[in-house]
N, C-alpha and C. Protein backbone atom coordinates (compact mmCIF):
# COMPACT_ATOMS: atom_id res chain seq x y z
N MET A 1 0.83 -1.18 0.00
CA MET A 1 0.00 0.00 0.00
C MET A 1 0.88 1.24 0.00
N THR A 2 0.62 2.19 -0.88
CA THR A 2 1.37 3.43 -0.95
C THR A 2 0.73 4.46 -0.03
N VAL A 3 1.55 5.09 0.79
CA VAL A 3 1.06 6.11 1.71
C VAL A 3 1.06 7.45 0.99
N ALA A 4 -0.03 8.19 1.12
CA ALA A 4 -0.13 9.51 0.48
C ALA A 4 0.96 10.43 1.03
N ARG A 5 1.40 11.35 0.20
CA ARG A 5 2.38 12.33 0.63
C ARG A 5 1.99 13.69 0.08
N LEU A 6 2.49 14.72 0.70
CA LEU A 6 2.25 16.08 0.22
C LEU A 6 3.24 16.34 -0.91
N GLY A 7 2.72 16.63 -2.07
CA GLY A 7 3.56 16.86 -3.23
C GLY A 7 3.88 18.32 -3.45
N ARG A 8 4.54 18.58 -4.54
CA ARG A 8 5.02 19.92 -4.86
C ARG A 8 3.90 20.96 -4.88
N SER A 9 2.73 20.60 -5.39
CA SER A 9 1.63 21.57 -5.49
C SER A 9 1.16 22.03 -4.11
N PHE A 10 1.27 21.19 -3.09
CA PHE A 10 0.89 21.60 -1.74
C PHE A 10 1.77 22.76 -1.28
N PHE A 11 3.08 22.68 -1.56
CA PHE A 11 4.02 23.68 -1.08
C PHE A 11 4.07 24.92 -1.98
N ASP A 12 3.66 24.79 -3.23
CA ASP A 12 3.73 25.89 -4.19
C ASP A 12 2.51 26.81 -4.05
N ARG A 13 2.37 27.38 -2.87
CA ARG A 13 1.28 28.29 -2.56
C ARG A 13 1.80 29.37 -1.62
N PRO A 14 0.99 30.38 -1.33
CA PRO A 14 1.47 31.42 -0.40
C PRO A 14 1.95 30.81 0.92
N THR A 15 3.06 31.32 1.40
CA THR A 15 3.75 30.76 2.56
C THR A 15 2.88 30.70 3.81
N ARG A 16 2.11 31.75 4.07
CA ARG A 16 1.24 31.76 5.25
C ARG A 16 0.22 30.63 5.19
N ILE A 17 -0.32 30.39 4.03
CA ILE A 17 -1.32 29.32 3.87
C ILE A 17 -0.67 27.96 4.14
N VAL A 18 0.51 27.74 3.56
CA VAL A 18 1.21 26.47 3.77
C VAL A 18 1.55 26.29 5.25
N ALA A 19 2.03 27.34 5.90
CA ALA A 19 2.40 27.25 7.31
C ALA A 19 1.19 26.84 8.15
N ARG A 20 0.06 27.41 7.87
CA ARG A 20 -1.16 27.08 8.63
C ARG A 20 -1.63 25.67 8.30
N GLN A 21 -1.61 25.29 7.03
CA GLN A 21 -2.14 23.99 6.63
C GLN A 21 -1.20 22.83 6.91
N LEU A 22 0.04 23.10 7.29
CA LEU A 22 0.93 22.03 7.73
C LEU A 22 0.59 21.55 9.14
N ILE A 23 -0.15 22.36 9.90
CA ILE A 23 -0.53 21.95 11.26
C ILE A 23 -1.41 20.71 11.16
N GLY A 24 -1.01 19.66 11.84
CA GLY A 24 -1.73 18.39 11.80
C GLY A 24 -1.17 17.40 10.79
N CYS A 25 -0.39 17.90 9.82
CA CYS A 25 0.25 17.00 8.85
C CYS A 25 1.40 16.27 9.54
N GLU A 26 1.94 15.27 8.87
CA GLU A 26 3.01 14.47 9.44
C GLU A 26 4.31 14.67 8.68
N LEU A 27 5.41 14.60 9.39
CA LEU A 27 6.75 14.67 8.82
C LEU A 27 7.47 13.39 9.21
N TRP A 28 7.95 12.65 8.20
CA TRP A 28 8.60 11.36 8.42
C TRP A 28 9.99 11.35 7.82
N THR A 29 10.92 10.66 8.49
CA THR A 29 12.25 10.41 7.94
C THR A 29 12.48 8.91 7.93
N ARG A 30 13.27 8.48 6.97
CA ARG A 30 13.57 7.05 6.84
C ARG A 30 15.08 6.87 6.69
N ASP A 31 15.62 6.05 7.55
CA ASP A 31 17.02 5.65 7.49
C ASP A 31 17.04 4.13 7.53
N PRO A 32 18.15 3.48 7.17
CA PRO A 32 18.18 2.03 7.21
C PRO A 32 17.74 1.49 8.58
N GLY A 33 16.68 0.72 8.56
CA GLY A 33 16.20 0.07 9.77
C GLY A 33 15.33 0.90 10.70
N VAL A 34 15.11 2.16 10.39
CA VAL A 34 14.29 2.99 11.29
C VAL A 34 13.50 4.04 10.50
N GLU A 35 12.26 4.19 10.90
CA GLU A 35 11.41 5.24 10.35
C GLU A 35 10.88 6.04 11.54
N ARG A 36 11.01 7.36 11.45
CA ARG A 36 10.61 8.24 12.55
C ARG A 36 9.61 9.27 12.04
N GLY A 37 8.62 9.60 12.88
CA GLY A 37 7.63 10.56 12.45
C GLY A 37 7.08 11.42 13.57
N VAL A 38 6.61 12.60 13.18
CA VAL A 38 5.91 13.50 14.09
C VAL A 38 4.68 14.05 13.39
N ARG A 39 3.72 14.42 14.18
CA ARG A 39 2.55 15.16 13.71
C ARG A 39 2.85 16.62 13.99
N ILE A 40 2.90 17.45 12.97
CA ILE A 40 3.31 18.84 13.10
C ILE A 40 2.27 19.63 13.90
N VAL A 41 2.73 20.31 14.95
CA VAL A 41 1.81 21.10 15.78
C VAL A 41 2.19 22.58 15.84
N GLU A 42 3.33 22.95 15.22
CA GLU A 42 3.75 24.35 15.28
C GLU A 42 4.65 24.68 14.10
N THR A 43 4.40 25.82 13.46
CA THR A 43 5.20 26.28 12.32
C THR A 43 5.39 27.79 12.42
N GLU A 44 6.31 28.31 11.63
CA GLU A 44 6.47 29.75 11.46
C GLU A 44 6.69 30.03 9.98
N ALA A 45 6.04 31.07 9.47
CA ALA A 45 6.19 31.47 8.06
C ALA A 45 7.27 32.54 7.93
N TYR A 46 8.11 32.41 6.92
CA TYR A 46 9.11 33.41 6.58
C TYR A 46 8.84 33.82 5.14
N VAL A 47 8.25 34.99 5.00
CA VAL A 47 7.67 35.47 3.75
C VAL A 47 8.59 36.47 3.06
N GLY A 48 8.19 36.96 1.89
CA GLY A 48 8.94 37.98 1.18
C GLY A 48 8.91 39.31 1.93
N ARG A 49 9.92 40.13 1.71
CA ARG A 49 10.06 41.42 2.38
C ARG A 49 9.90 41.28 3.89
N ASP A 50 10.60 40.32 4.44
CA ASP A 50 10.51 39.96 5.86
C ASP A 50 11.92 40.05 6.43
N GLU A 51 12.16 41.00 7.32
CA GLU A 51 13.50 41.21 7.86
C GLU A 51 14.05 39.99 8.60
N ALA A 52 13.19 39.11 9.09
CA ALA A 52 13.64 37.92 9.81
C ALA A 52 13.95 36.75 8.87
N ASN A 53 13.61 36.89 7.60
CA ASN A 53 13.81 35.84 6.61
C ASN A 53 15.28 35.78 6.20
N HIS A 54 15.89 34.62 6.23
CA HIS A 54 17.29 34.46 5.84
C HIS A 54 17.54 34.85 4.39
N ALA A 55 16.52 34.85 3.56
CA ALA A 55 16.67 35.19 2.14
C ALA A 55 16.29 36.63 1.85
N ASN A 56 16.06 37.42 2.85
CA ASN A 56 15.60 38.80 2.66
C ASN A 56 16.53 39.63 1.79
N ARG A 57 17.82 39.35 1.86
CA ARG A 57 18.79 40.14 1.08
C ARG A 57 19.29 39.40 -0.16
N GLY A 58 18.62 38.32 -0.52
CA GLY A 58 19.01 37.59 -1.72
C GLY A 58 19.71 36.27 -1.40
N MET A 59 20.12 35.61 -2.47
CA MET A 59 20.72 34.29 -2.34
C MET A 59 22.18 34.38 -1.89
N THR A 60 22.51 33.49 -0.96
CA THR A 60 23.89 33.33 -0.51
C THR A 60 24.21 31.84 -0.53
N ARG A 61 25.45 31.51 -0.25
CA ARG A 61 25.82 30.09 -0.20
C ARG A 61 25.03 29.37 0.90
N ARG A 62 24.81 30.04 2.02
CA ARG A 62 24.10 29.42 3.14
C ARG A 62 22.63 29.18 2.83
N ASN A 63 21.96 30.13 2.17
CA ASN A 63 20.50 30.04 2.00
C ASN A 63 20.06 29.59 0.61
N ARG A 64 20.96 29.15 -0.23
CA ARG A 64 20.58 28.85 -1.61
C ARG A 64 19.46 27.82 -1.73
N SER A 65 19.31 26.93 -0.76
CA SER A 65 18.21 25.95 -0.81
C SER A 65 16.85 26.63 -0.73
N MET A 66 16.80 27.84 -0.15
CA MET A 66 15.53 28.57 -0.07
C MET A 66 15.03 29.00 -1.44
N PHE A 67 15.89 28.91 -2.44
CA PHE A 67 15.50 29.29 -3.79
C PHE A 67 15.27 28.06 -4.67
N GLY A 68 15.18 26.90 -4.02
CA GLY A 68 14.90 25.65 -4.72
C GLY A 68 13.41 25.50 -5.01
N ALA A 69 13.06 24.37 -5.56
CA ALA A 69 11.67 24.08 -5.90
C ALA A 69 10.82 23.98 -4.63
N PRO A 70 9.53 24.27 -4.72
CA PRO A 70 8.66 24.09 -3.56
C PRO A 70 8.78 22.65 -3.03
N GLY A 71 8.89 22.52 -1.71
CA GLY A 71 9.07 21.20 -1.10
C GLY A 71 10.52 20.88 -0.80
N THR A 72 11.45 21.76 -1.18
CA THR A 72 12.86 21.58 -0.87
C THR A 72 13.10 21.94 0.59
N LEU A 73 13.96 21.20 1.27
CA LEU A 73 14.30 21.53 2.65
C LEU A 73 15.44 22.54 2.68
N TYR A 74 15.26 23.54 3.52
CA TYR A 74 16.33 24.48 3.86
C TYR A 74 16.68 24.17 5.32
N VAL A 75 17.84 23.56 5.52
CA VAL A 75 18.28 23.16 6.86
C VAL A 75 19.52 23.97 7.19
N TYR A 76 19.51 24.60 8.35
CA TYR A 76 20.65 25.41 8.76
C TYR A 76 20.95 25.18 10.23
N ARG A 77 22.12 25.61 10.63
CA ARG A 77 22.55 25.48 12.02
C ARG A 77 22.69 26.88 12.62
N ILE A 78 22.15 27.02 13.83
CA ILE A 78 22.30 28.27 14.57
C ILE A 78 22.59 27.91 16.03
N HIS A 79 23.71 28.39 16.56
CA HIS A 79 24.10 28.09 17.95
C HIS A 79 24.08 26.59 18.23
N ARG A 80 24.63 25.79 17.35
CA ARG A 80 24.72 24.33 17.48
C ARG A 80 23.38 23.61 17.35
N VAL A 81 22.35 24.33 17.00
CA VAL A 81 21.02 23.74 16.84
C VAL A 81 20.69 23.69 15.35
N VAL A 82 20.20 22.55 14.88
CA VAL A 82 19.80 22.39 13.49
C VAL A 82 18.30 22.66 13.38
N CYS A 83 17.91 23.47 12.39
CA CYS A 83 16.51 23.82 12.15
C CYS A 83 16.15 23.46 10.72
N ALA A 84 14.92 22.98 10.51
CA ALA A 84 14.47 22.57 9.18
C ALA A 84 13.28 23.42 8.74
N ASN A 85 13.38 23.91 7.51
CA ASN A 85 12.33 24.68 6.87
C ASN A 85 11.97 23.98 5.56
N VAL A 86 10.75 24.20 5.09
CA VAL A 86 10.37 23.68 3.78
C VAL A 86 10.03 24.88 2.90
N VAL A 87 10.60 24.89 1.71
CA VAL A 87 10.44 26.00 0.77
C VAL A 87 9.03 26.00 0.18
N THR A 88 8.49 27.21 0.03
CA THR A 88 7.19 27.38 -0.61
C THR A 88 7.38 28.11 -1.94
N ARG A 89 7.75 29.33 -1.89
CA ARG A 89 8.04 30.16 -3.06
C ARG A 89 9.52 30.54 -3.01
N PRO A 90 10.11 31.01 -4.12
CA PRO A 90 11.53 31.36 -4.09
C PRO A 90 11.84 32.36 -2.96
N GLY A 91 12.78 31.98 -2.09
CA GLY A 91 13.19 32.84 -1.00
C GLY A 91 12.22 32.87 0.18
N GLN A 92 11.25 31.97 0.20
CA GLN A 92 10.28 31.91 1.29
C GLN A 92 10.18 30.46 1.78
N ALA A 93 9.93 30.31 3.08
CA ALA A 93 9.88 28.95 3.64
C ALA A 93 9.09 28.93 4.94
N VAL A 94 8.78 27.72 5.38
CA VAL A 94 8.08 27.48 6.63
C VAL A 94 9.02 26.71 7.56
N LEU A 95 9.27 27.27 8.74
CA LEU A 95 10.05 26.59 9.76
C LEU A 95 9.13 25.60 10.47
N ILE A 96 9.57 24.37 10.57
CA ILE A 96 8.82 23.36 11.32
C ILE A 96 9.32 23.47 12.77
N ARG A 97 8.48 24.01 13.64
CA ARG A 97 8.90 24.33 15.01
C ARG A 97 8.72 23.19 16.00
N ALA A 98 7.64 22.41 15.88
CA ALA A 98 7.39 21.39 16.90
C ALA A 98 6.49 20.30 16.35
N GLY A 99 6.62 19.10 16.93
CA GLY A 99 5.80 17.97 16.50
C GLY A 99 5.46 17.04 17.64
N GLU A 100 4.35 16.38 17.50
CA GLU A 100 3.92 15.34 18.45
C GLU A 100 4.49 14.02 17.96
N PRO A 101 5.32 13.34 18.75
CA PRO A 101 5.94 12.09 18.29
C PRO A 101 4.91 11.04 17.89
N LEU A 102 5.18 10.37 16.76
CA LEU A 102 4.28 9.32 16.26
C LEU A 102 4.93 7.95 16.34
N GLY A 103 6.19 7.86 16.03
CA GLY A 103 6.83 6.56 16.04
C GLY A 103 8.29 6.65 15.69
N GLY A 104 9.09 5.86 16.39
CA GLY A 104 10.50 5.73 16.07
C GLY A 104 11.36 6.90 16.48
N THR A 105 10.78 7.95 17.05
CA THR A 105 11.60 9.10 17.41
C THR A 105 12.50 8.77 18.58
N ARG A 106 13.69 9.31 18.55
CA ARG A 106 14.67 9.06 19.60
C ARG A 106 14.33 9.83 20.87
N GLU A 107 13.54 10.85 20.74
CA GLU A 107 13.17 11.67 21.89
C GLU A 107 11.66 11.69 22.01
N LEU A 108 11.18 11.72 23.21
CA LEU A 108 9.74 11.81 23.42
C LEU A 108 9.25 13.23 23.27
N TRP A 109 10.17 14.18 23.31
CA TRP A 109 9.78 15.58 23.24
C TRP A 109 10.35 16.18 21.96
N ALA A 110 9.48 16.69 21.10
CA ALA A 110 9.92 17.30 19.85
C ALA A 110 9.43 18.74 19.79
N GLY A 111 9.41 19.42 20.95
CA GLY A 111 8.99 20.81 21.04
C GLY A 111 10.18 21.71 20.81
N GLY A 112 10.12 22.52 19.79
CA GLY A 112 11.23 23.38 19.41
C GLY A 112 11.92 22.81 18.19
N PRO A 113 12.40 23.67 17.29
CA PRO A 113 12.96 23.19 16.01
C PRO A 113 14.20 22.32 16.16
N GLY A 114 15.04 22.59 17.15
CA GLY A 114 16.24 21.77 17.34
C GLY A 114 15.90 20.39 17.85
N ARG A 115 15.02 20.31 18.82
CA ARG A 115 14.60 19.00 19.34
C ARG A 115 13.88 18.19 18.27
N LEU A 116 13.08 18.87 17.47
CA LEU A 116 12.36 18.18 16.40
C LEU A 116 13.35 17.55 15.41
N CYS A 117 14.36 18.31 15.01
CA CYS A 117 15.35 17.77 14.07
C CYS A 117 16.13 16.62 14.69
N ARG A 118 16.50 16.75 15.95
CA ARG A 118 17.20 15.64 16.63
C ARG A 118 16.32 14.40 16.68
N ALA A 119 15.05 14.58 17.04
CA ALA A 119 14.14 13.43 17.15
C ALA A 119 13.97 12.71 15.82
N LEU A 120 14.00 13.46 14.72
CA LEU A 120 13.80 12.87 13.39
C LEU A 120 15.10 12.49 12.70
N GLY A 121 16.23 12.85 13.29
CA GLY A 121 17.51 12.55 12.66
C GLY A 121 17.82 13.45 11.48
N ILE A 122 17.23 14.65 11.44
CA ILE A 122 17.51 15.61 10.38
C ILE A 122 18.79 16.35 10.74
N THR A 123 19.73 16.39 9.80
CA THR A 123 21.03 17.05 10.02
C THR A 123 21.27 18.07 8.92
N ILE A 124 22.35 18.80 9.07
CA ILE A 124 22.72 19.80 8.07
C ILE A 124 22.93 19.15 6.69
N ALA A 125 23.25 17.86 6.67
CA ALA A 125 23.42 17.14 5.39
C ALA A 125 22.11 17.03 4.62
N ASP A 126 20.97 17.26 5.28
CA ASP A 126 19.67 17.19 4.61
C ASP A 126 19.29 18.49 3.91
N ASP A 127 20.13 19.53 4.05
CA ASP A 127 19.86 20.79 3.35
C ASP A 127 19.78 20.53 1.85
N GLY A 128 18.73 21.02 1.21
CA GLY A 128 18.55 20.83 -0.23
C GLY A 128 17.79 19.57 -0.60
N THR A 129 17.41 18.75 0.37
CA THR A 129 16.66 17.52 0.11
C THR A 129 15.29 17.84 -0.46
N ASP A 130 14.86 17.08 -1.45
CA ASP A 130 13.53 17.25 -2.03
C ASP A 130 12.52 16.43 -1.22
N ALA A 131 11.82 17.10 -0.30
CA ALA A 131 10.84 16.41 0.55
C ALA A 131 9.51 16.20 -0.18
N ALA A 132 9.34 16.82 -1.34
CA ALA A 132 8.10 16.64 -2.11
C ALA A 132 8.15 15.36 -2.95
N ALA A 133 9.35 14.88 -3.27
CA ALA A 133 9.45 13.70 -4.12
C ALA A 133 10.53 12.71 -3.69
N GLY A 134 11.37 13.09 -2.73
CA GLY A 134 12.47 12.23 -2.31
C GLY A 134 12.02 11.07 -1.43
N ALA A 135 12.96 10.19 -1.11
CA ALA A 135 12.63 8.97 -0.36
C ALA A 135 12.91 9.09 1.14
N ARG A 136 13.93 9.84 1.54
CA ARG A 136 14.32 9.85 2.95
C ARG A 136 13.41 10.71 3.83
N ILE A 137 13.02 11.88 3.35
CA ILE A 137 12.19 12.80 4.14
C ILE A 137 10.94 13.12 3.35
N ARG A 138 9.78 12.99 4.01
CA ARG A 138 8.53 13.28 3.31
C ARG A 138 7.47 13.78 4.28
N PHE A 139 6.58 14.57 3.74
CA PHE A 139 5.43 15.09 4.48
C PHE A 139 4.21 14.30 4.06
N ARG A 140 3.34 14.00 5.02
CA ARG A 140 2.10 13.27 4.73
C ARG A 140 0.91 14.12 5.20
N PRO A 141 -0.25 13.95 4.54
CA PRO A 141 -1.44 14.68 4.99
C PRO A 141 -1.85 14.24 6.38
N TRP A 142 -2.62 15.08 7.04
CA TRP A 142 -3.05 14.73 8.40
C TRP A 142 -4.06 13.60 8.36
N ARG A 143 -3.97 12.76 9.38
CA ARG A 143 -4.93 11.67 9.59
C ARG A 143 -5.92 12.03 10.69
N ARG A 144 -5.51 12.96 11.53
CA ARG A 144 -6.37 13.44 12.60
C ARG A 144 -6.48 14.95 12.47
N ARG A 145 -7.71 15.41 12.28
CA ARG A 145 -7.94 16.84 12.09
C ARG A 145 -7.37 17.64 13.27
N PRO A 146 -6.66 18.72 12.98
CA PRO A 146 -6.13 19.52 14.09
C PRO A 146 -7.26 20.22 14.85
N ARG A 147 -7.03 20.42 16.14
CA ARG A 147 -7.96 21.25 16.91
C ARG A 147 -7.87 22.65 16.35
N ALA A 148 -8.41 23.61 17.02
CA ALA A 148 -8.31 25.00 16.56
C ALA A 148 -6.84 25.37 16.35
N ILE A 149 -6.60 26.15 15.33
CA ILE A 149 -5.25 26.63 15.04
C ILE A 149 -5.20 28.10 15.40
N VAL A 150 -4.19 28.48 16.17
CA VAL A 150 -4.02 29.87 16.57
C VAL A 150 -2.75 30.43 15.93
N SER A 151 -2.70 31.75 15.83
CA SER A 151 -1.50 32.40 15.32
C SER A 151 -1.06 33.45 16.32
N GLY A 152 0.20 33.78 16.25
CA GLY A 152 0.76 34.79 17.13
C GLY A 152 2.12 35.20 16.63
N PRO A 153 2.82 36.03 17.40
CA PRO A 153 4.15 36.47 16.99
C PRO A 153 5.15 35.32 16.96
N ARG A 154 6.11 35.41 16.05
CA ARG A 154 7.17 34.41 15.99
C ARG A 154 8.08 34.57 17.21
N ILE A 155 8.81 33.52 17.52
CA ILE A 155 9.71 33.56 18.67
C ILE A 155 11.12 33.17 18.24
N GLY A 156 12.09 33.52 19.07
CA GLY A 156 13.48 33.14 18.79
C GLY A 156 14.14 33.99 17.73
N ILE A 157 13.55 35.13 17.38
CA ILE A 157 14.13 36.03 16.39
C ILE A 157 14.21 37.42 16.99
N SER A 158 14.96 38.32 16.36
CA SER A 158 15.09 39.68 16.89
C SER A 158 14.48 40.73 15.97
N ARG A 159 14.11 40.36 14.74
CA ARG A 159 13.51 41.30 13.79
C ARG A 159 12.12 40.83 13.40
N ALA A 160 11.25 41.78 13.11
CA ALA A 160 9.89 41.49 12.66
C ALA A 160 9.18 40.51 13.59
N VAL A 161 9.44 40.64 14.87
CA VAL A 161 8.89 39.73 15.87
C VAL A 161 7.37 39.84 15.96
N GLU A 162 6.85 41.05 15.81
CA GLU A 162 5.43 41.28 16.04
C GLU A 162 4.50 40.68 14.98
N ARG A 163 5.02 40.27 13.86
CA ARG A 163 4.17 39.74 12.79
C ARG A 163 3.56 38.40 13.22
N PRO A 164 2.25 38.24 13.09
CA PRO A 164 1.59 36.99 13.53
C PRO A 164 1.76 35.86 12.52
N LEU A 165 3.00 35.38 12.38
CA LEU A 165 3.33 34.37 11.39
C LEU A 165 3.70 33.03 12.03
N ARG A 166 3.36 32.88 13.27
CA ARG A 166 3.57 31.61 13.99
C ARG A 166 2.20 30.95 14.13
N PHE A 167 2.13 29.66 13.78
CA PHE A 167 0.87 28.92 13.81
C PHE A 167 1.04 27.70 14.69
N ALA A 168 0.01 27.39 15.47
CA ALA A 168 0.10 26.25 16.38
C ALA A 168 -1.27 25.65 16.62
N GLU A 169 -1.26 24.36 16.94
CA GLU A 169 -2.50 23.70 17.32
C GLU A 169 -2.82 24.09 18.75
N ALA A 170 -3.96 24.72 18.95
CA ALA A 170 -4.35 25.19 20.29
C ALA A 170 -4.42 24.02 21.26
N GLY A 171 -3.83 24.21 22.42
CA GLY A 171 -3.89 23.22 23.47
C GLY A 171 -2.89 22.09 23.40
N SER A 172 -2.09 22.01 22.34
CA SER A 172 -1.12 20.91 22.23
C SER A 172 0.01 21.12 23.23
N ARG A 173 0.29 20.08 23.99
CA ARG A 173 1.39 20.16 24.96
C ARG A 173 2.75 20.12 24.28
N TYR A 174 2.79 19.83 22.99
CA TYR A 174 4.07 19.74 22.28
C TYR A 174 4.52 21.07 21.68
N VAL A 175 3.65 22.07 21.70
CA VAL A 175 4.01 23.40 21.18
C VAL A 175 5.05 24.01 22.10
N SER A 176 6.05 24.68 21.51
CA SER A 176 7.11 25.27 22.31
C SER A 176 6.61 26.53 23.03
N SER A 177 7.31 26.86 24.11
CA SER A 177 6.93 28.03 24.92
C SER A 177 7.63 29.27 24.39
N PRO A 178 7.02 30.43 24.57
CA PRO A 178 5.70 30.66 25.11
C PRO A 178 4.63 30.25 24.10
N ARG A 179 3.58 29.67 24.61
CA ARG A 179 2.51 29.17 23.74
C ARG A 179 1.66 30.33 23.24
N PRO A 180 1.35 30.35 21.95
CA PRO A 180 0.64 31.51 21.38
C PRO A 180 -0.75 31.72 21.95
N TRP A 181 -1.41 30.69 22.43
CA TRP A 181 -2.76 30.89 22.97
C TRP A 181 -2.72 31.53 24.35
N ALA A 182 -1.53 31.58 24.96
CA ALA A 182 -1.39 32.21 26.27
C ALA A 182 -1.20 33.72 26.16
N GLY A 183 -1.07 34.21 24.92
CA GLY A 183 -0.86 35.65 24.71
C GLY A 183 0.61 35.98 24.82
N SER A 184 0.97 37.14 24.31
CA SER A 184 2.37 37.56 24.33
C SER A 184 2.42 39.06 24.44
N ALA A 185 3.14 39.56 25.42
CA ALA A 185 3.35 41.00 25.62
C ALA A 185 2.01 41.74 25.64
N GLY A 186 1.02 41.13 26.27
CA GLY A 186 -0.27 41.79 26.41
C GLY A 186 -1.17 41.69 25.19
N LYS A 187 -0.68 41.06 24.10
CA LYS A 187 -1.48 40.92 22.90
C LYS A 187 -2.12 39.55 22.88
N ARG A 188 -3.35 39.48 22.48
CA ARG A 188 -4.03 38.19 22.40
C ARG A 188 -3.80 37.58 21.02
N PRO A 189 -3.49 36.28 20.95
CA PRO A 189 -3.32 35.63 19.66
C PRO A 189 -4.65 35.55 18.94
N THR A 190 -4.61 35.34 17.65
CA THR A 190 -5.82 35.27 16.86
C THR A 190 -6.01 33.85 16.35
N SER A 191 -7.24 33.45 16.15
CA SER A 191 -7.49 32.18 15.50
C SER A 191 -7.16 32.34 14.05
N ALA A 192 -6.52 31.34 13.49
CA ALA A 192 -6.08 31.45 12.09
C ALA A 192 -6.98 30.66 11.19
């Protein structure tokens, strides 16, 4: 039986829409003898003309994967932490922030982009991987409808923080802190 996967057309849409619609979808990795998966519960969108976007000033050696085909992974390291994004449009991507473990993960906690990558075995070597058609890393549609999805300010960045481009499944214990439904700096998050 072939398992459905999210193909290129899913990712080839406006970044905010993809970021929101990835909530509840699954991300799986396959290595010899082990398959690991999470149900995505938190994402962040990095759009055009966005000061926090690594591609805001154009293509560099570090961010060139962000200019790949929709569904390409942009994986980078920051402060010894590996983070994985999936490309939507040229120079735009969605950061996969947190996931609910489904199977085979080395860690029971996949809250936060670094922990998520560790749990799935995603490394800097996966930068440029085609997750829309490749064999090792793939996204699958959700099997369980997400609860309400909320949006709020992105976290872990210093520019364009106030933009409500962070999406999360309301009430999920796997969402990283601070949780968007709890409010931030006196602002109430919005349902997305």
